[in-house]
Amino acid sequence: MDHAPQFLEFAGYRCRFGRRGSGLPTAKQVMVLAGLASGMTQKEIAQARGISPATVKSTAEALYYHLHAIRATDAVARAIRRGWIAPLLLALMVGGLHQDTTQLIRVRQPVRTRQPVSSTSRIARRDLGSVYA
């Protein structure tokens, strides 16, 4: 029985996996973890892998338990710290920062503001006389 870690690429991440009991996630868990790391929803991961969303959900919950994580982002951060996920996309993004960044800046549309509507009206001094009369 070879317990040497193996590598798998899914959703733009290179992940390390092993057999059960080796301290590493299984291949199925790694695919879910890589999908979560790339920002995919559980339904998108299920569609990409051709499995049921319920299977992805139970696998993700098992990962959260194994990593002592509360949610997906926490699980991904803990997996990166353990070396289970090689953040290749992060390296590519950092490498891309030295390019011309003017194209990467998002153009914000102007915000429409409403003019405050005053419910009071001006009463001229001559109108006050008619009010008091």
C-alpha atoms as a PDB file:
ATOM      1  CA  MET A   1       0.000   0.000   0.000  1.00  0.00           C
ATOM      2  CA  ASP A   2       1.575   3.186  -1.187  1.00  0.00           C
ATOM      3  CA  HIS A   3       0.596   6.196   0.949  1.00  0.00           C
ATOM      4  CA  ALA A   4       2.617   8.671  -1.112  1.00  0.00           C
ATOM      5  CA  PRO A   5       0.629  11.808  -1.919  1.00  0.00           C
ATOM      6  CA  GLN A   6      -0.678  12.192  -5.433  1.00  0.00           C
ATOM      7  CA  PHE A   7      -1.649  15.368  -7.258  1.00  0.00           C
ATOM      8  CA  LEU A   8      -4.816  16.284  -9.069  1.00  0.00           C
ATOM      9  CA  GLU A   9      -5.752  19.396 -11.047  1.00  0.00           C
ATOM     10  CA  PHE A  10      -9.309  20.642 -10.958  1.00  0.00           C
ATOM     11  CA  ALA A  11     -10.865  24.084 -11.414  1.00  0.00           C
ATOM     12  CA  GLY A  12      -7.478  25.725 -11.902  1.00  0.00           C
ATOM     13  CA  TYR A  13      -5.883  24.379  -8.718  1.00  0.00           C
ATOM     14  CA  ARG A  14      -3.309  21.674  -8.183  1.00  0.00           C
ATOM     15  CA  CYS A  15      -4.208  19.677  -5.106  1.00  0.00           C
ATOM     16  CA  ARG A  16      -2.527  16.973  -3.089  1.00  0.00           C
ATOM     17  CA  PHE A  17      -4.555  13.924  -2.092  1.00  0.00           C
ATOM     18  CA  GLY A  18      -4.022  10.521  -0.575  1.00  0.00           C
ATOM     19  CA  ARG A  19      -5.880   7.514   0.699  1.00  0.00           C
ATOM     20  CA  ARG A  20      -8.158   7.487   3.697  1.00  0.00           C
ATOM     21  CA  GLY A  21      -6.218   7.532   6.928  1.00  0.00           C
ATOM     22  CA  SER A  22      -3.168   9.166   5.363  1.00  0.00           C
ATOM     23  CA  GLY A  23      -4.015  12.588   6.790  1.00  0.00           C
ATOM     24  CA  LEU A  24      -4.675  13.944   3.308  1.00  0.00           C
ATOM     25  CA  PRO A  25      -8.066  14.445   1.669  1.00  0.00           C
ATOM     26  CA  THR A  26      -9.387  11.894  -0.794  1.00  0.00           C
ATOM     27  CA  ALA A  27      -9.607  12.623  -4.524  1.00  0.00           C
ATOM     28  CA  LYS A  28     -13.338  13.372  -4.247  1.00  0.00           C
ATOM     29  CA  GLN A  29     -12.747  15.777  -1.354  1.00  0.00           C
ATOM     30  CA  VAL A  30      -9.932  17.500  -3.250  1.00  0.00           C
ATOM     31  CA  MET A  31     -12.162  18.145  -6.257  1.00  0.00           C
ATOM     32  CA  VAL A  32     -14.799  19.738  -4.041  1.00  0.00           C
ATOM     33  CA  LEU A  33     -12.155  21.761  -2.203  1.00  0.00           C
ATOM     34  CA  ALA A  34     -10.608  23.007  -5.460  1.00  0.00           C
ATOM     35  CA  GLY A  35     -14.030  23.971  -6.760  1.00  0.00           C
ATOM     36  CA  LEU A  36     -14.762  25.915  -3.584  1.00  0.00           C
ATOM     37  CA  ALA A  37     -11.346  27.583  -3.811  1.00  0.00           C
ATOM     38  CA  SER A  38     -12.082  28.756  -7.340  1.00  0.00           C
ATOM     39  CA  GLY A  39     -15.360  30.316  -6.215  1.00  0.00           C
ATOM     40  CA  MET A  40     -17.741  27.737  -7.643  1.00  0.00           C
ATOM     41  CA  THR A  41     -21.008  27.006  -5.897  1.00  0.00           C
ATOM     42  CA  GLN A  42     -21.840  23.487  -4.796  1.00  0.00           C
ATOM     43  CA  LYS A  43     -24.288  23.147  -7.695  1.00  0.00           C
ATOM     44  CA  GLU A  44     -21.621  24.259 -10.188  1.00  0.00           C
ATOM     45  CA  ILE A  45     -19.142  21.742  -8.752  1.00  0.00           C
ATOM     46  CA  ALA A  46     -21.756  18.992  -9.054  1.00  0.00           C
ATOM     47  CA  GLN A  47     -22.471  19.939 -12.657  1.00  0.00           C
ATOM     48  CA  ALA A  48     -18.760  20.048 -13.567  1.00  0.00           C
ATOM     49  CA  ARG A  49     -18.154  16.633 -12.010  1.00  0.00           C
ATOM     50  CA  GLY A  50     -21.409  15.060 -13.159  1.00  0.00           C
ATOM     51  CA  ILE A  51     -22.594  14.131  -9.670  1.00  0.00           C
ATOM     52  CA  SER A  52     -25.479  15.054  -7.398  1.00  0.00           C
ATOM     53  CA  PRO A  53     -25.416  18.373  -5.507  1.00  0.00           C
ATOM     54  CA  ALA A  54     -26.245  16.377  -2.355  1.00  0.00           C
ATOM     55  CA  THR A  55     -22.996  14.418  -2.797  1.00  0.00           C
ATOM     56  CA  VAL A  56     -21.033  17.654  -3.075  1.00  0.00           C
ATOM     57  CA  LYS A  57     -22.782  19.022   0.011  1.00  0.00           C
ATOM     58  CA  SER A  58     -22.009  15.957   2.144  1.00  0.00           C
ATOM     59  CA  THR A  59     -18.401  15.897   0.912  1.00  0.00           C
ATOM     60  CA  ALA A  60     -18.003  19.596   1.728  1.00  0.00           C
ATOM     61  CA  GLU A  61     -19.453  19.045   5.205  1.00  0.00           C
ATOM     62  CA  ALA A  62     -16.989  16.187   5.789  1.00  0.00           C
ATOM     63  CA  LEU A  63     -14.167  18.522   4.728  1.00  0.00           C
ATOM     64  CA  TYR A  64     -15.359  21.246   7.089  1.00  0.00           C
ATOM     65  CA  TYR A  65     -15.397  18.737   9.947  1.00  0.00           C
ATOM     66  CA  HIS A  66     -11.950  17.380   9.060  1.00  0.00           C
ATOM     67  CA  LEU A  67     -10.450  20.880   8.835  1.00  0.00           C
ATOM     68  CA  HIS A  68     -12.407  22.279  11.825  1.00  0.00           C
ATOM     69  CA  ALA A  69     -13.763  24.948   9.480  1.00  0.00           C
ATOM     70  CA  ILE A  70     -16.992  26.884   9.725  1.00  0.00           C
ATOM     71  CA  ARG A  71     -17.572  27.700   6.057  1.00  0.00           C
ATOM     72  CA  ALA A  72     -16.028  27.225   2.611  1.00  0.00           C
ATOM     73  CA  THR A  73     -13.613  30.171   2.749  1.00  0.00           C
ATOM     74  CA  ASP A  74     -12.313  29.002   6.116  1.00  0.00           C
ATOM     75  CA  ALA A  75     -11.821  25.464   4.760  1.00  0.00           C
ATOM     76  CA  VAL A  76      -9.916  26.753   1.722  1.00  0.00           C
ATOM     77  CA  ALA A  77      -7.643  28.916   3.889  1.00  0.00           C
ATOM     78  CA  ARG A  78      -6.894  26.002   6.217  1.00  0.00           C
ATOM     79  CA  ALA A  79      -6.236  23.670   3.268  1.00  0.00           C
ATOM     80  CA  ILE A  80      -3.766  26.158   1.776  1.00  0.00           C
ATOM     81  CA  ARG A  81      -1.989  26.419   5.142  1.00  0.00           C
ATOM     82  CA  ARG A  82      -1.724  22.625   5.298  1.00  0.00           C
ATOM     83  CA  GLY A  83      -0.331  22.493   1.767  1.00  0.00           C
ATOM     84  CA  TRP A  84      -3.258  20.582   0.304  1.00  0.00           C
ATOM     85  CA  ILE A  85      -3.907  23.228  -2.344  1.00  0.00           C
ATOM     86  CA  ALA A  86      -1.219  24.855  -4.445  1.00  0.00           C
ATOM     87  CA  PRO A  87      -2.551  28.349  -5.128  1.00  0.00           C
ATOM     88  CA  LEU A  88      -1.526  28.468  -8.775  1.00  0.00           C
ATOM     89  CA  LEU A  89      -4.161  31.038  -9.618  1.00  0.00           C
ATOM     90  CA  LEU A  90      -2.866  33.296  -6.883  1.00  0.00           C
ATOM     91  CA  ALA A  91       0.642  33.108  -8.328  1.00  0.00           C
ATOM     92  CA  LEU A  92      -0.679  33.913 -11.795  1.00  0.00           C
ATOM     93  CA  MET A  93      -2.681  36.835 -10.456  1.00  0.00           C
ATOM     94  CA  VAL A  94       0.317  38.259  -8.596  1.00  0.00           C
ATOM     95  CA  GLY A  95       2.423  37.867 -11.722  1.00  0.00           C
ATOM     96  CA  GLY A  96      -0.219  39.723 -13.680  1.00  0.00           C
ATOM     97  CA  LEU A  97      -0.110  42.724 -11.348  1.00  0.00           C
ATOM     98  CA  HIS A  98       3.031  44.022 -13.008  1.00  0.00           C
ATOM     99  CA  GLN A  99       1.247  44.446 -16.310  1.00  0.00           C
ATOM    100  CA  ASP A 100      -0.675  47.515 -17.373  1.00  0.00           C
ATOM    101  CA  THR A 101      -3.326  47.853 -14.674  1.00  0.00           C
ATOM    102  CA  THR A 102      -5.402  50.525 -16.402  1.00  0.00           C
ATOM    103  CA  GLN A 103      -7.414  47.848 -18.200  1.00  0.00           C
ATOM    104  CA  LEU A 104      -8.123  46.009 -14.952  1.00  0.00           C
ATOM    105  CA  ILE A 105      -9.728  48.977 -13.215  1.00  0.00           C
ATOM    106  CA  ARG A 106     -13.485  48.632 -13.043  1.00  0.00           C
ATOM    107  CA  VAL A 107     -15.449  51.565 -14.372  1.00  0.00           C
ATOM    108  CA  ARG A 108     -18.058  52.656 -11.877  1.00  0.00           C
ATOM    109  CA  GLN A 109     -21.309  54.030 -13.177  1.00  0.00           C
ATOM    110  CA  PRO A 110     -22.472  57.363 -11.718  1.00  0.00           C
ATOM    111  CA  VAL A 111     -24.842  57.029  -8.822  1.00  0.00           C
ATOM    112  CA  ARG A 112     -28.213  58.654  -9.236  1.00  0.00           C
ATOM    113  CA  THR A 113     -29.246  60.747  -6.300  1.00  0.00           C
ATOM    114  CA  ARG A 114     -32.694  62.060  -5.571  1.00  0.00           C
ATOM    115  CA  GLN A 115     -33.243  65.687  -4.842  1.00  0.00           C
ATOM    116  CA  PRO A 116     -34.867  66.129  -1.436  1.00  0.00           C
ATOM    117  CA  VAL A 117     -38.436  67.242  -1.856  1.00  0.00           C
ATOM    118  CA  SER A 118     -39.549  69.880   0.600  1.00  0.00           C
ATOM    119  CA  SER A 119     -43.093  69.562   1.839  1.00  0.00           C
ATOM    120  CA  THR A 120     -43.160  73.071   3.264  1.00  0.00           C
ATOM    121  CA  SER A 121     -43.983  76.027   1.084  1.00  0.00           C
ATOM    122  CA  ARG A 122     -42.989  79.613   1.520  1.00  0.00           C
ATOM    123  CA  ILE A 123     -45.688  81.899   2.674  1.00  0.00           C
ATOM    124  CA  ALA A 124     -45.298  85.511   1.772  1.00  0.00           C
ATOM    125  CA  ARG A 125     -45.852  88.187   4.379  1.00  0.00           C
ATOM    126  CA  ARG A 126     -48.985  89.400   2.647  1.00  0.00           C
ATOM    127  CA  ASP A 127     -50.444  85.864   2.769  1.00  0.00           C
ATOM    128  CA  LEU A 128     -50.062  85.743   6.546  1.00  0.00           C
ATOM    129  CA  GLY A 129     -52.586  88.510   6.925  1.00  0.00           C
ATOM    130  CA  SER A 130     -55.223  86.465   5.183  1.00  0.00           C
ATOM    131  CA  VAL A 131     -54.471  83.468   7.377  1.00  0.00           C
ATOM    132  CA  TYR A 132     -54.967  85.426  10.588  1.00  0.00           C
ATOM    133  CA  ALA A 133     -58.045  87.275   9.395  1.00  0.00           C
END
